Amino acid sequence: MKPRLQEHYEGTVRPKLTSEFGFENAHQVPRLEKIVINVGVGDASRDPKLLDSVVEAVTAISGQRPIVNKARKAISNFGLREGMPVGVSVTLRRAHMYEFLDRFINVAVPRVRDFRGLSPHSFDGRGNYTVGIKEQVVFPEVDYDKIQKIHGMDITFVTSTGKDEEALALLRELGMPFRGMEPVVV
């Protein structure tokens, strides 16, 4: 069974983008390739239990076990040695990606305090969109009692297009609530 958002993309979004941008080939139509969740944990070297707490929270949010990123080189000003854990990241693809996107748009983002919409200016020039979340507790999967420290995360939506306007249209049609734009109801 396909995720609800994937069926919406194939049935509604793909034909609309094809007519809007005049694509002749089906492979030209932008699609979501992956979602990367990244959490930087600078204090992990001093407190190993903090790293375990972050790994547990990201596992609950994404449904996949994240990898622990280690420092590539030593930086004495930060008290960092090569090989020390500095963060965790997880890459979601296919069905997991669409399920996460659906929960992100419909459950997590509305729970952000003073939410007025996501910035439509956070594209990188290559069709990828990154949003920063300040607190992991906006996701209902996170058990508030098991949190050692409130931390944020970066969520990157990687698309197959190289143009920001095509990626913006794709994410808006998938239901992403951008500031100053009428949201599309999925």
N, C-alpha and C. Protein backbone atom coordinates (compact mmCIF):
# COMPACT_ATOMS: atom_id res chain seq x y z
N MET A 1 0.84 -1.18 0.00
CA MET A 1 0.00 0.00 0.00
C MET A 1 0.88 1.25 0.00
N LYS A 2 0.61 2.17 -0.90
CA LYS A 2 1.39 3.40 -1.02
C LYS A 2 0.94 4.41 0.03
N PRO A 3 1.86 5.23 0.50
CA PRO A 3 1.48 6.31 1.42
C PRO A 3 0.54 7.30 0.72
N ARG A 4 -0.27 7.96 1.52
CA ARG A 4 -1.29 8.88 1.01
C ARG A 4 -0.67 10.01 0.19
N LEU A 5 0.43 10.57 0.66
CA LEU A 5 1.06 11.68 -0.03
C LEU A 5 1.70 11.25 -1.35
N GLN A 6 2.19 10.03 -1.41
CA GLN A 6 2.77 9.52 -2.65
C GLN A 6 1.67 9.36 -3.72
N GLU A 7 0.51 8.87 -3.33
CA GLU A 7 -0.60 8.75 -4.27
C GLU A 7 -1.05 10.13 -4.73
N HIS A 8 -1.05 11.10 -3.81
CA HIS A 8 -1.41 12.47 -4.17
C HIS A 8 -0.42 13.04 -5.18
N TYR A 9 0.87 12.76 -4.97
CA TYR A 9 1.89 13.24 -5.91
C TYR A 9 1.68 12.64 -7.30
N GLU A 10 1.50 11.33 -7.36
CA GLU A 10 1.36 10.66 -8.65
C GLU A 10 0.07 11.02 -9.36
N GLY A 11 -1.02 11.20 -8.61
CA GLY A 11 -2.31 11.45 -9.23
C GLY A 11 -2.62 12.91 -9.51
N THR A 12 -2.12 13.83 -8.68
CA THR A 12 -2.49 15.24 -8.79
C THR A 12 -1.31 16.16 -9.07
N VAL A 13 -0.26 16.03 -8.28
CA VAL A 13 0.86 16.97 -8.35
C VAL A 13 1.63 16.82 -9.65
N ARG A 14 1.97 15.61 -10.03
CA ARG A 14 2.77 15.38 -11.25
C ARG A 14 2.08 15.95 -12.49
N PRO A 15 0.76 15.65 -12.74
CA PRO A 15 0.12 16.24 -13.92
C PRO A 15 0.04 17.77 -13.86
N LYS A 16 -0.18 18.33 -12.66
CA LYS A 16 -0.27 19.79 -12.54
C LYS A 16 1.07 20.45 -12.84
N LEU A 17 2.17 19.88 -12.33
CA LEU A 17 3.49 20.45 -12.61
C LEU A 17 3.86 20.29 -14.08
N THR A 18 3.44 19.19 -14.69
CA THR A 18 3.71 18.97 -16.12
C THR A 18 3.06 20.06 -16.96
N SER A 19 1.81 20.38 -16.66
CA SER A 19 1.13 21.42 -17.44
C SER A 19 1.63 22.82 -17.08
N GLU A 20 1.97 23.05 -15.81
CA GLU A 20 2.41 24.38 -15.38
C GLU A 20 3.75 24.76 -15.98
N PHE A 21 4.70 23.84 -16.01
CA PHE A 21 6.03 24.14 -16.52
C PHE A 21 6.27 23.64 -17.95
N GLY A 22 5.30 22.94 -18.53
CA GLY A 22 5.40 22.49 -19.92
C GLY A 22 6.45 21.41 -20.14
N PHE A 23 6.55 20.47 -19.22
CA PHE A 23 7.51 19.38 -19.38
C PHE A 23 7.03 18.43 -20.47
N GLU A 24 7.96 17.98 -21.31
CA GLU A 24 7.61 17.04 -22.38
C GLU A 24 7.89 15.60 -21.97
N ASN A 25 8.84 15.41 -21.09
CA ASN A 25 9.25 14.08 -20.67
C ASN A 25 8.83 13.87 -19.21
N ALA A 26 8.37 12.69 -18.87
CA ALA A 26 7.93 12.41 -17.51
C ALA A 26 9.07 12.48 -16.50
N HIS A 27 10.31 12.28 -16.97
CA HIS A 27 11.46 12.33 -16.08
C HIS A 27 11.90 13.76 -15.76
N GLN A 28 11.34 14.73 -16.47
CA GLN A 28 11.67 16.12 -16.19
C GLN A 28 10.87 16.67 -15.00
N VAL A 29 9.77 16.03 -14.70
CA VAL A 29 8.89 16.51 -13.62
C VAL A 29 9.62 16.37 -12.29
N PRO A 30 9.70 17.45 -11.49
CA PRO A 30 10.40 17.37 -10.22
C PRO A 30 9.73 16.38 -9.26
N ARG A 31 10.55 15.71 -8.48
CA ARG A 31 10.04 14.79 -7.47
C ARG A 31 10.92 14.92 -6.23
N LEU A 32 10.39 14.48 -5.14
CA LEU A 32 11.14 14.46 -3.89
C LEU A 32 12.01 13.22 -3.87
N GLU A 33 13.32 13.38 -3.73
CA GLU A 33 14.23 12.23 -3.76
C GLU A 33 14.51 11.68 -2.37
N LYS A 34 14.76 12.59 -1.41
CA LYS A 34 15.05 12.14 -0.05
C LYS A 34 14.84 13.28 0.93
N ILE A 35 14.72 12.91 2.19
CA ILE A 35 14.65 13.87 3.29
C ILE A 35 15.76 13.50 4.27
N VAL A 36 16.58 14.48 4.61
CA VAL A 36 17.69 14.25 5.53
C VAL A 36 17.42 15.02 6.82
N ILE A 37 17.46 14.30 7.95
CA ILE A 37 17.28 14.92 9.27
C ILE A 37 18.65 14.92 9.94
N ASN A 38 19.10 16.09 10.36
CA ASN A 38 20.42 16.23 10.95
C ASN A 38 20.32 16.96 12.28
N VAL A 39 20.95 16.41 13.31
CA VAL A 39 20.97 17.03 14.63
C VAL A 39 22.43 17.16 15.07
N GLY A 40 22.86 18.38 15.34
CA GLY A 40 24.20 18.60 15.86
C GLY A 40 24.18 18.51 17.37
N VAL A 41 25.11 17.72 17.92
CA VAL A 41 25.19 17.53 19.36
C VAL A 41 26.61 17.84 19.79
N GLY A 42 26.89 19.12 20.04
CA GLY A 42 28.24 19.52 20.40
C GLY A 42 28.66 19.05 21.79
N ASP A 43 27.70 18.88 22.70
CA ASP A 43 28.01 18.47 24.07
C ASP A 43 28.12 16.96 24.23
N ALA A 44 28.04 16.22 23.14
CA ALA A 44 28.04 14.76 23.23
C ALA A 44 29.36 14.21 23.78
N SER A 45 30.45 14.92 23.57
CA SER A 45 31.73 14.44 24.08
C SER A 45 31.80 14.53 25.60
N ARG A 46 31.11 15.51 26.19
CA ARG A 46 31.12 15.67 27.64
C ARG A 46 30.05 14.80 28.31
N ASP A 47 28.95 14.55 27.60
CA ASP A 47 27.83 13.81 28.17
C ASP A 47 27.37 12.73 27.19
N PRO A 48 27.89 11.50 27.34
CA PRO A 48 27.52 10.43 26.39
C PRO A 48 26.04 10.04 26.44
N LYS A 49 25.38 10.25 27.58
CA LYS A 49 23.96 9.92 27.66
C LYS A 49 23.11 10.87 26.82
N LEU A 50 23.61 12.08 26.61
CA LEU A 50 22.91 13.04 25.76
C LEU A 50 22.83 12.52 24.33
N LEU A 51 23.92 11.94 23.85
CA LEU A 51 23.94 11.37 22.51
C LEU A 51 22.93 10.23 22.38
N ASP A 52 22.84 9.39 23.40
CA ASP A 52 21.87 8.30 23.39
C ASP A 52 20.44 8.84 23.36
N SER A 53 20.18 9.91 24.10
CA SER A 53 18.87 10.54 24.13
C SER A 53 18.50 11.10 22.76
N VAL A 54 19.46 11.73 22.09
CA VAL A 54 19.22 12.31 20.77
C VAL A 54 18.97 11.20 19.74
N VAL A 55 19.76 10.12 19.82
CA VAL A 55 19.56 9.00 18.90
C VAL A 55 18.17 8.41 19.09
N GLU A 56 17.74 8.27 20.33
CA GLU A 56 16.41 7.72 20.61
C GLU A 56 15.31 8.64 20.07
N ALA A 57 15.47 9.96 20.23
CA ALA A 57 14.47 10.91 19.75
C ALA A 57 14.39 10.91 18.23
N VAL A 58 15.52 10.90 17.55
CA VAL A 58 15.53 10.90 16.08
C VAL A 58 14.98 9.58 15.55
N THR A 59 15.25 8.48 16.24
CA THR A 59 14.68 7.19 15.84
C THR A 59 13.16 7.22 15.95
N ALA A 60 12.63 7.81 17.01
CA ALA A 60 11.18 7.90 17.17
C ALA A 60 10.56 8.80 16.11
N ILE A 61 11.23 9.89 15.79
CA ILE A 61 10.70 10.84 14.80
C ILE A 61 10.71 10.26 13.40
N SER A 62 11.82 9.63 13.03
CA SER A 62 11.99 9.19 11.64
C SER A 62 11.55 7.76 11.38
N GLY A 63 11.57 6.92 12.40
CA GLY A 63 11.26 5.51 12.20
C GLY A 63 12.45 4.71 11.72
N GLN A 64 13.60 5.31 11.65
CA GLN A 64 14.85 4.65 11.26
C GLN A 64 15.94 5.00 12.26
N ARG A 65 16.88 4.11 12.42
CA ARG A 65 18.01 4.35 13.32
C ARG A 65 19.00 5.29 12.64
N PRO A 66 19.35 6.41 13.27
CA PRO A 66 20.29 7.35 12.66
C PRO A 66 21.74 6.90 12.82
N ILE A 67 22.61 7.47 11.99
CA ILE A 67 24.04 7.21 12.15
C ILE A 67 24.63 8.33 13.00
N VAL A 68 25.69 8.01 13.73
CA VAL A 68 26.38 8.99 14.56
C VAL A 68 27.51 9.58 13.74
N ASN A 69 27.50 10.90 13.58
CA ASN A 69 28.56 11.58 12.83
C ASN A 69 29.69 11.92 13.78
N LYS A 70 30.91 11.67 13.33
CA LYS A 70 32.09 11.94 14.17
C LYS A 70 32.92 13.05 13.55
N ALA A 71 33.66 13.74 14.40
CA ALA A 71 34.51 14.84 13.94
C ALA A 71 35.62 14.31 13.04
N ARG A 72 35.84 14.99 11.91
CA ARG A 72 36.88 14.56 10.97
C ARG A 72 38.26 15.03 11.37
N LYS A 73 38.31 16.18 12.04
CA LYS A 73 39.60 16.67 12.50
C LYS A 73 39.46 17.38 13.84
N ALA A 74 40.56 17.54 14.53
CA ALA A 74 40.55 18.16 15.86
C ALA A 74 40.52 19.68 15.73
N ILE A 75 39.71 20.30 16.59
CA ILE A 75 39.64 21.76 16.69
C ILE A 75 39.78 22.10 18.17
N SER A 76 40.94 22.63 18.53
CA SER A 76 41.25 22.84 19.94
C SER A 76 40.36 23.90 20.58
N ASN A 77 39.95 24.91 19.84
CA ASN A 77 39.10 25.96 20.41
C ASN A 77 37.75 25.43 20.88
N PHE A 78 37.27 24.38 20.25
CA PHE A 78 36.00 23.78 20.63
C PHE A 78 36.18 22.59 21.56
N GLY A 79 37.41 22.26 21.89
CA GLY A 79 37.66 21.09 22.74
C GLY A 79 37.28 19.80 22.02
N LEU A 80 37.54 19.77 20.73
CA LEU A 80 37.10 18.67 19.88
C LEU A 80 38.31 17.90 19.36
N ARG A 81 38.24 16.57 19.47
CA ARG A 81 39.30 15.72 18.93
C ARG A 81 38.73 14.90 17.79
N GLU A 82 39.60 14.46 16.93
CA GLU A 82 39.18 13.65 15.80
C GLU A 82 38.52 12.36 16.28
N GLY A 83 37.36 12.04 15.70
CA GLY A 83 36.65 10.83 16.05
C GLY A 83 35.60 11.00 17.14
N MET A 84 35.49 12.18 17.74
CA MET A 84 34.48 12.42 18.77
C MET A 84 33.10 12.58 18.11
N PRO A 85 32.04 12.10 18.75
CA PRO A 85 30.70 12.27 18.17
C PRO A 85 30.27 13.73 18.21
N VAL A 86 29.75 14.23 17.07
CA VAL A 86 29.32 15.62 16.99
C VAL A 86 27.87 15.77 16.54
N GLY A 87 27.21 14.68 16.16
CA GLY A 87 25.83 14.78 15.72
C GLY A 87 25.30 13.46 15.21
N VAL A 88 24.04 13.47 14.84
CA VAL A 88 23.41 12.28 14.25
C VAL A 88 22.63 12.72 13.02
N SER A 89 22.49 11.82 12.06
CA SER A 89 21.70 12.11 10.87
C SER A 89 21.05 10.85 10.35
N VAL A 90 19.93 11.04 9.66
CA VAL A 90 19.20 9.93 9.07
C VAL A 90 18.67 10.40 7.71
N THR A 91 18.70 9.51 6.73
CA THR A 91 18.18 9.80 5.40
C THR A 91 16.96 8.94 5.14
N LEU A 92 15.86 9.59 4.77
CA LEU A 92 14.61 8.88 4.49
C LEU A 92 14.36 8.88 2.99
N ARG A 93 13.96 7.75 2.47
CA ARG A 93 13.64 7.62 1.05
C ARG A 93 12.34 6.84 0.89
N ARG A 94 11.76 6.93 -0.31
CA ARG A 94 10.57 6.18 -0.72
C ARG A 94 9.42 6.32 0.28
N ALA A 95 8.84 5.23 0.73
CA ALA A 95 7.63 5.26 1.57
C ALA A 95 7.89 5.95 2.91
N HIS A 96 9.04 5.69 3.54
CA HIS A 96 9.37 6.35 4.82
C HIS A 96 9.39 7.86 4.64
N MET A 97 9.90 8.32 3.50
CA MET A 97 10.01 9.75 3.22
C MET A 97 8.63 10.39 3.14
N TYR A 98 7.71 9.75 2.39
CA TYR A 98 6.37 10.31 2.24
C TYR A 98 5.59 10.26 3.56
N GLU A 99 5.77 9.21 4.34
CA GLU A 99 5.09 9.13 5.64
C GLU A 99 5.59 10.24 6.57
N PHE A 100 6.91 10.46 6.59
CA PHE A 100 7.47 11.52 7.43
C PHE A 100 6.98 12.89 6.97
N LEU A 101 6.97 13.13 5.66
CA LEU A 101 6.52 14.41 5.13
C LEU A 101 5.08 14.68 5.51
N ASP A 102 4.23 13.67 5.43
CA ASP A 102 2.84 13.80 5.81
C ASP A 102 2.70 14.18 7.29
N ARG A 103 3.44 13.49 8.16
CA ARG A 103 3.39 13.82 9.60
C ARG A 103 3.99 15.19 9.87
N PHE A 104 5.05 15.55 9.15
CA PHE A 104 5.70 16.85 9.34
C PHE A 104 4.74 17.99 9.00
N ILE A 105 4.07 17.88 7.85
CA ILE A 105 3.19 18.96 7.39
C ILE A 105 1.92 19.05 8.23
N ASN A 106 1.30 17.92 8.53
CA ASN A 106 -0.02 17.93 9.16
C ASN A 106 -0.02 17.87 10.68
N VAL A 107 1.07 17.42 11.30
CA VAL A 107 1.08 17.26 12.75
C VAL A 107 2.14 18.15 13.41
N ALA A 108 3.39 18.05 12.96
CA ALA A 108 4.49 18.72 13.65
C ALA A 108 4.52 20.23 13.42
N VAL A 109 4.43 20.67 12.18
CA VAL A 109 4.55 22.10 11.88
C VAL A 109 3.44 22.93 12.55
N PRO A 110 2.20 22.47 12.56
CA PRO A 110 1.17 23.27 13.27
C PRO A 110 1.41 23.38 14.77
N ARG A 111 2.23 22.51 15.35
CA ARG A 111 2.50 22.56 16.78
C ARG A 111 3.63 23.52 17.14
N VAL A 112 4.29 24.10 16.13
CA VAL A 112 5.36 25.07 16.38
C VAL A 112 4.73 26.34 16.96
N ARG A 113 5.34 26.84 18.01
CA ARG A 113 4.82 28.02 18.68
C ARG A 113 4.92 29.25 17.77
N ASP A 114 3.88 30.06 17.74
CA ASP A 114 3.80 31.29 16.92
C ASP A 114 4.08 31.00 15.44
N PHE A 115 3.50 29.94 14.92
CA PHE A 115 3.76 29.55 13.54
C PHE A 115 2.95 30.41 12.57
N ARG A 116 3.66 30.99 11.60
CA ARG A 116 3.01 31.82 10.59
C ARG A 116 3.30 31.31 9.18
N GLY A 117 3.94 30.18 9.09
CA GLY A 117 4.29 29.62 7.79
C GLY A 117 5.79 29.48 7.67
N LEU A 118 6.22 28.59 6.78
CA LEU A 118 7.64 28.37 6.54
C LEU A 118 8.14 29.39 5.52
N SER A 119 9.38 29.78 5.65
CA SER A 119 9.96 30.77 4.75
C SER A 119 10.14 30.17 3.35
N PRO A 120 9.67 30.87 2.32
CA PRO A 120 9.88 30.37 0.96
C PRO A 120 11.26 30.72 0.41
N HIS A 121 12.12 31.31 1.24
CA HIS A 121 13.44 31.75 0.80
C HIS A 121 14.58 30.85 1.28
N SER A 122 14.28 29.67 1.79
CA SER A 122 15.31 28.79 2.34
C SER A 122 15.80 27.74 1.34
N PHE A 123 15.71 28.05 0.06
CA PHE A 123 16.23 27.15 -0.96
C PHE A 123 17.70 27.44 -1.18
N ASP A 124 18.45 26.44 -1.61
CA ASP A 124 19.90 26.58 -1.73
C ASP A 124 20.38 26.95 -3.14
N GLY A 125 19.47 27.20 -4.07
CA GLY A 125 19.88 27.53 -5.43
C GLY A 125 19.94 26.31 -6.34
N ARG A 126 19.82 25.13 -5.76
CA ARG A 126 19.86 23.88 -6.53
C ARG A 126 18.59 23.06 -6.36
N GLY A 127 17.52 23.68 -5.86
CA GLY A 127 16.24 23.00 -5.73
C GLY A 127 16.06 22.22 -4.44
N ASN A 128 16.92 22.44 -3.45
CA ASN A 128 16.79 21.76 -2.16
C ASN A 128 16.33 22.76 -1.12
N TYR A 129 15.46 22.31 -0.22
CA TYR A 129 14.88 23.20 0.79
C TYR A 129 15.26 22.69 2.18
N THR A 130 15.73 23.60 3.03
CA THR A 130 16.11 23.24 4.39
C THR A 130 15.34 24.10 5.38
N VAL A 131 14.80 23.42 6.39
CA VAL A 131 14.08 24.12 7.45
C VAL A 131 14.68 23.70 8.79
N GLY A 132 14.82 24.65 9.69
CA GLY A 132 15.33 24.36 11.03
C GLY A 132 14.20 24.33 12.03
N ILE A 133 14.20 23.31 12.86
CA ILE A 133 13.22 23.19 13.94
C ILE A 133 13.97 23.43 15.24
N LYS A 134 13.44 24.30 16.10
CA LYS A 134 14.15 24.66 17.34
C LYS A 134 13.96 23.65 18.46
N GLU A 135 12.85 22.94 18.45
CA GLU A 135 12.56 21.98 19.52
C GLU A 135 12.08 20.67 18.92
N GLN A 136 12.60 19.57 19.43
CA GLN A 136 12.18 18.26 18.93
C GLN A 136 10.82 17.85 19.48
N VAL A 137 10.30 18.57 20.45
CA VAL A 137 9.03 18.19 21.08
C VAL A 137 7.81 18.52 20.24
N VAL A 138 7.99 19.17 19.07
CA VAL A 138 6.85 19.42 18.18
C VAL A 138 6.37 18.12 17.53
N PHE A 139 7.22 17.11 17.56
CA PHE A 139 6.84 15.81 17.03
C PHE A 139 6.18 15.01 18.16
N PRO A 140 4.96 14.52 17.97
CA PRO A 140 4.27 13.81 19.05
C PRO A 140 4.90 12.47 19.40
N GLU A 141 5.78 11.94 18.54
CA GLU A 141 6.43 10.65 18.81
C GLU A 141 7.47 10.74 19.92
N VAL A 142 7.95 11.94 20.19
CA VAL A 142 9.00 12.14 21.19
C VAL A 142 8.38 12.12 22.58
N ASP A 143 8.90 11.25 23.45
CA ASP A 143 8.44 11.17 24.84
C ASP A 143 9.11 12.28 25.64
N TYR A 144 8.31 13.23 26.10
CA TYR A 144 8.84 14.40 26.79
C TYR A 144 9.61 14.03 28.06
N ASP A 145 9.24 12.93 28.72
CA ASP A 145 9.90 12.53 29.96
C ASP A 145 11.30 11.98 29.73
N LYS A 146 11.58 11.47 28.54
CA LYS A 146 12.89 10.88 28.26
C LYS A 146 13.89 11.87 27.68
N ILE A 147 13.47 13.12 27.52
CA ILE A 147 14.35 14.14 26.94
C ILE A 147 15.30 14.67 28.00
N GLN A 148 16.59 14.64 27.69
CA GLN A 148 17.57 15.21 28.62
C GLN A 148 17.74 16.70 28.38
N LYS A 149 17.69 17.10 27.10
CA LYS A 149 17.92 18.48 26.74
C LYS A 149 17.13 18.79 25.47
N ILE A 150 16.53 19.95 25.41
CA ILE A 150 15.82 20.38 24.21
C ILE A 150 16.87 20.71 23.15
N HIS A 151 16.70 20.15 21.98
CA HIS A 151 17.64 20.43 20.88
C HIS A 151 16.85 20.63 19.60
N GLY A 152 17.46 21.27 18.66
CA GLY A 152 16.83 21.50 17.37
C GLY A 152 17.33 20.51 16.34
N MET A 153 16.86 20.69 15.12
CA MET A 153 17.30 19.83 14.03
C MET A 153 17.10 20.55 12.71
N ASP A 154 17.88 20.14 11.73
CA ASP A 154 17.74 20.64 10.37
C ASP A 154 17.12 19.54 9.54
N ILE A 155 16.10 19.90 8.77
CA ILE A 155 15.44 18.94 7.89
C ILE A 155 15.59 19.46 6.47
N THR A 156 16.24 18.66 5.62
CA THR A 156 16.49 19.05 4.24
C THR A 156 15.66 18.19 3.30
N PHE A 157 14.93 18.85 2.41
CA PHE A 157 14.12 18.17 1.41
C PHE A 157 14.87 18.27 0.08
N VAL A 158 15.37 17.14 -0.40
CA VAL A 158 16.17 17.10 -1.62
C VAL A 158 15.25 16.73 -2.78
N THR A 159 15.22 17.58 -3.81
CA THR A 159 14.37 17.34 -4.97
C THR A 159 15.23 16.99 -6.18
N SER A 160 14.58 16.50 -7.22
CA SER A 160 15.30 16.09 -8.42
C SER A 160 15.56 17.24 -9.38
N THR A 161 15.00 18.40 -9.11
CA THR A 161 15.18 19.54 -10.00
C THR A 161 16.34 20.40 -9.54
N GLY A 162 16.86 21.19 -10.44
CA GLY A 162 17.95 22.10 -10.10
C GLY A 162 17.48 23.53 -9.98
N LYS A 163 16.18 23.75 -10.11
CA LYS A 163 15.63 25.11 -10.07
C LYS A 163 14.76 25.30 -8.84
N ASP A 164 14.98 26.41 -8.15
CA ASP A 164 14.24 26.68 -6.92
C ASP A 164 12.75 26.88 -7.15
N GLU A 165 12.37 27.53 -8.25
CA GLU A 165 10.94 27.79 -8.48
C GLU A 165 10.18 26.49 -8.74
N GLU A 166 10.81 25.52 -9.41
CA GLU A 166 10.16 24.23 -9.62
C GLU A 166 10.05 23.46 -8.30
N ALA A 167 11.09 23.53 -7.48
CA ALA A 167 11.06 22.85 -6.18
C ALA A 167 10.02 23.49 -5.26
N LEU A 168 9.90 24.82 -5.30
CA LEU A 168 8.89 25.52 -4.51
C LEU A 168 7.49 25.09 -4.93
N ALA A 169 7.25 24.99 -6.23
CA ALA A 169 5.95 24.55 -6.72
C ALA A 169 5.65 23.12 -6.28
N LEU A 170 6.66 22.25 -6.34
CA LEU A 170 6.50 20.85 -5.92
C LEU A 170 6.11 20.77 -4.44
N LEU A 171 6.88 21.43 -3.58
CA LEU A 171 6.62 21.36 -2.14
C LEU A 171 5.30 22.03 -1.78
N ARG A 172 4.95 23.12 -2.46
CA ARG A 172 3.68 23.78 -2.18
C ARG A 172 2.51 22.88 -2.56
N GLU A 173 2.62 22.19 -3.69
CA GLU A 173 1.55 21.28 -4.12
C GLU A 173 1.45 20.05 -3.21
N LEU A 174 2.57 19.66 -2.58
CA LEU A 174 2.52 18.55 -1.64
C LEU A 174 1.91 18.96 -0.30
N GLY A 175 1.70 20.28 -0.11
CA GLY A 175 1.02 20.74 1.10
C GLY A 175 1.89 21.51 2.07
N MET A 176 3.12 21.83 1.70
CA MET A 176 4.01 22.56 2.59
C MET A 176 3.45 23.97 2.82
N PRO A 177 3.26 24.39 4.07
CA PRO A 177 2.64 25.69 4.36
C PRO A 177 3.66 26.84 4.31
N PHE A 178 3.86 27.41 3.14
CA PHE A 178 4.79 28.52 2.99
C PHE A 178 4.12 29.83 3.37
N ARG A 179 4.90 30.72 3.96
CA ARG A 179 4.42 32.03 4.38
C ARG A 179 4.08 32.89 3.15
N GLY A 180 2.92 33.53 3.18
CA GLY A 180 2.53 34.42 2.10
C GLY A 180 1.92 33.71 0.90
N MET A 181 1.76 32.40 0.96
CA MET A 181 1.17 31.64 -0.14
C MET A 181 -0.04 30.88 0.39
N GLU A 182 -1.02 30.74 -0.44
CA GLU A 182 -2.22 30.00 -0.07
C GLU A 182 -1.87 28.52 0.04
N PRO A 183 -2.12 27.87 1.19
CA PRO A 183 -1.78 26.45 1.31
C PRO A 183 -2.67 25.57 0.45
N VAL A 184 -2.08 24.52 -0.08
CA VAL A 184 -2.82 23.55 -0.88
C VAL A 184 -3.31 22.45 0.06
N VAL A 185 -4.60 22.18 0.03
CA VAL A 185 -5.18 21.17 0.90
C VAL A 185 -5.02 19.80 0.23
N VAL A 186 -4.38 18.89 0.94
CA VAL A 186 -4.13 17.56 0.39
C VAL A 186 -5.18 16.60 0.89
